Amino acid sequence: MALSILHRATGVANAVGLLVLAAWLIQAAGGQKSYAAFTGVMGSVPGLLVLAAFTFSFFYHLCNGIRHLVWDTGRGFEKQQANASAWLVIGAAFVLTAVFWGVAL
């Protein structure tokens, strides 16, 4: 149940993250000063935390979506399998986020 709620919450977070992406594109089109101001905010510690949270949200939603696709085939509904796949989704989301930020930095 908690992962289902988190899946919905990350869907909303991804929509908000797309607004940040749109703001980035608008600032890039707005010129060097506005782009520098935007990257200054997003490069700060709070900005990086927002970007890291968005990255985790994206990867969690992706991995859990794949889990749901497997469920659509009729597999993985037994309690033990569902619990194992839940932990796999959480772990994969953390690992993918860490790898992304390791490569990005």
C-alpha atoms as a PDB file:
ATOM      1  CA  MET A   1       0.000   0.000   0.000  1.00  0.00           C
ATOM      2  CA  ALA A   2       2.791   2.434   0.873  1.00  0.00           C
ATOM      3  CA  LEU A   3       4.487   1.891  -2.472  1.00  0.00           C
ATOM      4  CA  SER A   4       1.221   2.513  -4.297  1.00  0.00           C
ATOM      5  CA  ILE A   5       0.811   5.831  -2.516  1.00  0.00           C
ATOM      6  CA  LEU A   6       4.465   6.681  -3.189  1.00  0.00           C
ATOM      7  CA  HIS A   7       3.951   5.835  -6.866  1.00  0.00           C
ATOM      8  CA  ARG A   8       1.141   8.375  -7.072  1.00  0.00           C
ATOM      9  CA  ALA A   9       3.149  10.958  -5.128  1.00  0.00           C
ATOM     10  CA  THR A  10       6.143  10.537  -7.423  1.00  0.00           C
ATOM     11  CA  GLY A  11       3.849  11.005 -10.403  1.00  0.00           C
ATOM     12  CA  VAL A  12       2.860  14.384  -8.981  1.00  0.00           C
ATOM     13  CA  ALA A  13       6.492  15.184  -8.130  1.00  0.00           C
ATOM     14  CA  ASN A  14       7.493  14.374 -11.712  1.00  0.00           C
ATOM     15  CA  ALA A  15       4.874  16.804 -12.993  1.00  0.00           C
ATOM     16  CA  VAL A  16       6.323  19.512 -10.736  1.00  0.00           C
ATOM     17  CA  GLY A  17       9.813  18.555 -11.892  1.00  0.00           C
ATOM     18  CA  LEU A  18       8.725  19.127 -15.470  1.00  0.00           C
ATOM     19  CA  LEU A  19       7.798  22.669 -14.450  1.00  0.00           C
ATOM     20  CA  VAL A  20      11.369  23.135 -13.205  1.00  0.00           C
ATOM     21  CA  LEU A  21      12.621  21.790 -16.542  1.00  0.00           C
ATOM     22  CA  ALA A  22      10.351  24.245 -18.370  1.00  0.00           C
ATOM     23  CA  ALA A  23      11.656  27.087 -16.189  1.00  0.00           C
ATOM     24  CA  TRP A  24      15.212  26.059 -17.065  1.00  0.00           C
ATOM     25  CA  LEU A  25      14.404  26.194 -20.779  1.00  0.00           C
ATOM     26  CA  ILE A  26      12.663  29.566 -20.415  1.00  0.00           C
ATOM     27  CA  GLN A  27      15.640  30.991 -18.538  1.00  0.00           C
ATOM     28  CA  ALA A  28      18.022  29.628 -21.158  1.00  0.00           C
ATOM     29  CA  ALA A  29      15.990  31.391 -23.834  1.00  0.00           C
ATOM     30  CA  GLY A  30      15.858  34.551 -21.711  1.00  0.00           C
ATOM     31  CA  GLY A  31      19.535  35.302 -21.971  1.00  0.00           C
ATOM     32  CA  GLN A  32      22.784  34.867 -20.125  1.00  0.00           C
ATOM     33  CA  LYS A  33      21.813  36.826 -16.990  1.00  0.00           C
ATOM     34  CA  SER A  34      18.557  35.000 -16.354  1.00  0.00           C
ATOM     35  CA  TYR A  35      20.174  31.634 -17.079  1.00  0.00           C
ATOM     36  CA  ALA A  36      23.047  32.395 -14.700  1.00  0.00           C
ATOM     37  CA  ALA A  37      20.577  33.367 -11.975  1.00  0.00           C
ATOM     38  CA  PHE A  38      18.600  30.156 -12.471  1.00  0.00           C
ATOM     39  CA  THR A  39      21.685  27.929 -12.450  1.00  0.00           C
ATOM     40  CA  GLY A  40      22.903  29.769  -9.355  1.00  0.00           C
ATOM     41  CA  VAL A  41      19.703  28.877  -7.512  1.00  0.00           C
ATOM     42  CA  MET A  42      19.629  25.294  -8.759  1.00  0.00           C
ATOM     43  CA  GLY A  43      23.354  24.882  -8.055  1.00  0.00           C
ATOM     44  CA  SER A  44      22.915  25.809  -4.396  1.00  0.00           C
ATOM     45  CA  VAL A  45      22.522  23.139  -1.733  1.00  0.00           C
ATOM     46  CA  PRO A  46      18.699  23.455  -1.582  1.00  0.00           C
ATOM     47  CA  GLY A  47      18.524  23.450  -5.387  1.00  0.00           C
ATOM     48  CA  LEU A  48      20.675  20.342  -5.626  1.00  0.00           C
ATOM     49  CA  LEU A  49      18.500  18.638  -3.009  1.00  0.00           C
ATOM     50  CA  VAL A  50      15.428  19.432  -5.113  1.00  0.00           C
ATOM     51  CA  LEU A  51      17.142  18.029  -8.208  1.00  0.00           C
ATOM     52  CA  ALA A  52      18.269  14.908  -6.326  1.00  0.00           C
ATOM     53  CA  ALA A  53      14.729  14.366  -5.007  1.00  0.00           C
ATOM     54  CA  PHE A  54      13.341  14.802  -8.517  1.00  0.00           C
ATOM     55  CA  THR A  55      15.877  12.293  -9.827  1.00  0.00           C
ATOM     56  CA  PHE A  56      14.896   9.753  -7.174  1.00  0.00           C
ATOM     57  CA  SER A  57      11.236  10.414  -7.927  1.00  0.00           C
ATOM     58  CA  PHE A  58      11.824   9.773 -11.626  1.00  0.00           C
ATOM     59  CA  PHE A  59      13.727   6.525 -11.092  1.00  0.00           C
ATOM     60  CA  TYR A  60      11.289   5.246  -8.461  1.00  0.00           C
ATOM     61  CA  HIS A  61       8.329   5.936 -10.733  1.00  0.00           C
ATOM     62  CA  LEU A  62      10.131   4.250 -13.642  1.00  0.00           C
ATOM     63  CA  CYS A  63      11.058   1.127 -11.660  1.00  0.00           C
ATOM     64  CA  ASN A  64       7.640   0.817 -10.074  1.00  0.00           C
ATOM     65  CA  GLY A  65       6.049   1.257 -13.499  1.00  0.00           C
ATOM     66  CA  ILE A  66       8.100  -1.688 -14.744  1.00  0.00           C
ATOM     67  CA  ARG A  67       6.902  -3.646 -11.704  1.00  0.00           C
ATOM     68  CA  HIS A  68       3.318  -2.851 -12.673  1.00  0.00           C
ATOM     69  CA  LEU A  69       3.993  -3.999 -16.235  1.00  0.00           C
ATOM     70  CA  VAL A  70       5.158  -7.341 -14.849  1.00  0.00           C
ATOM     71  CA  TRP A  71       1.995  -7.506 -12.780  1.00  0.00           C
ATOM     72  CA  ASP A  72      -0.021  -6.897 -15.946  1.00  0.00           C
ATOM     73  CA  THR A  73       1.287 -10.234 -17.194  1.00  0.00           C
ATOM     74  CA  GLY A  74      -0.249 -11.939 -14.153  1.00  0.00           C
ATOM     75  CA  ARG A  75       3.053 -12.596 -12.373  1.00  0.00           C
ATOM     76  CA  GLY A  76       4.384 -11.477  -9.003  1.00  0.00           C
ATOM     77  CA  PHE A  77       1.154 -11.284  -7.012  1.00  0.00           C
ATOM     78  CA  GLU A  78       2.124 -13.742  -4.283  1.00  0.00           C
ATOM     79  CA  LYS A  79       2.926 -11.941  -1.041  1.00  0.00           C
ATOM     80  CA  GLN A  80       6.578 -13.003  -0.952  1.00  0.00           C
ATOM     81  CA  GLN A  81       7.121 -12.000  -4.595  1.00  0.00           C
ATOM     82  CA  ALA A  82       5.324  -8.677  -4.125  1.00  0.00           C
ATOM     83  CA  ASN A  83       7.448  -7.862  -1.073  1.00  0.00           C
ATOM     84  CA  ALA A  84      10.653  -8.832  -2.873  1.00  0.00           C
ATOM     85  CA  SER A  85       9.783  -6.731  -5.908  1.00  0.00           C
ATOM     86  CA  ALA A  86       8.898  -3.800  -3.643  1.00  0.00           C
ATOM     87  CA  TRP A  87      12.337  -3.874  -2.045  1.00  0.00           C
ATOM     88  CA  LEU A  88      13.912  -4.314  -5.474  1.00  0.00           C
ATOM     89  CA  VAL A  89      12.117  -1.186  -6.737  1.00  0.00           C
ATOM     90  CA  ILE A  90      13.254   0.875  -3.748  1.00  0.00           C
ATOM     91  CA  GLY A  91      16.829  -0.365  -3.983  1.00  0.00           C
ATOM     92  CA  ALA A  92      16.983   0.129  -7.744  1.00  0.00           C
ATOM     93  CA  ALA A  93      15.676   3.681  -7.416  1.00  0.00           C
ATOM     94  CA  PHE A  94      18.396   4.531  -4.881  1.00  0.00           C
ATOM     95  CA  VAL A  95      21.133   2.853  -6.928  1.00  0.00           C
ATOM     96  CA  LEU A  96      20.054   4.497 -10.193  1.00  0.00           C
ATOM     97  CA  THR A  97      19.871   7.893  -8.483  1.00  0.00           C
ATOM     98  CA  ALA A  98      23.364   7.433  -7.026  1.00  0.00           C
ATOM     99  CA  VAL A  99      24.775   6.302 -10.373  1.00  0.00           C
ATOM    100  CA  PHE A 100      23.124   9.227 -12.167  1.00  0.00           C
ATOM    101  CA  TRP A 101      24.545  11.767  -9.744  1.00  0.00           C
ATOM    102  CA  GLY A 102      27.924  10.019  -9.727  1.00  0.00           C
ATOM    103  CA  VAL A 103      28.102  10.380 -13.496  1.00  0.00           C
ATOM    104  CA  ALA A 104      26.599  13.893 -13.508  1.00  0.00           C
ATOM    105  CA  LEU A 105      29.100  15.297 -11.026  1.00  0.00           C
END
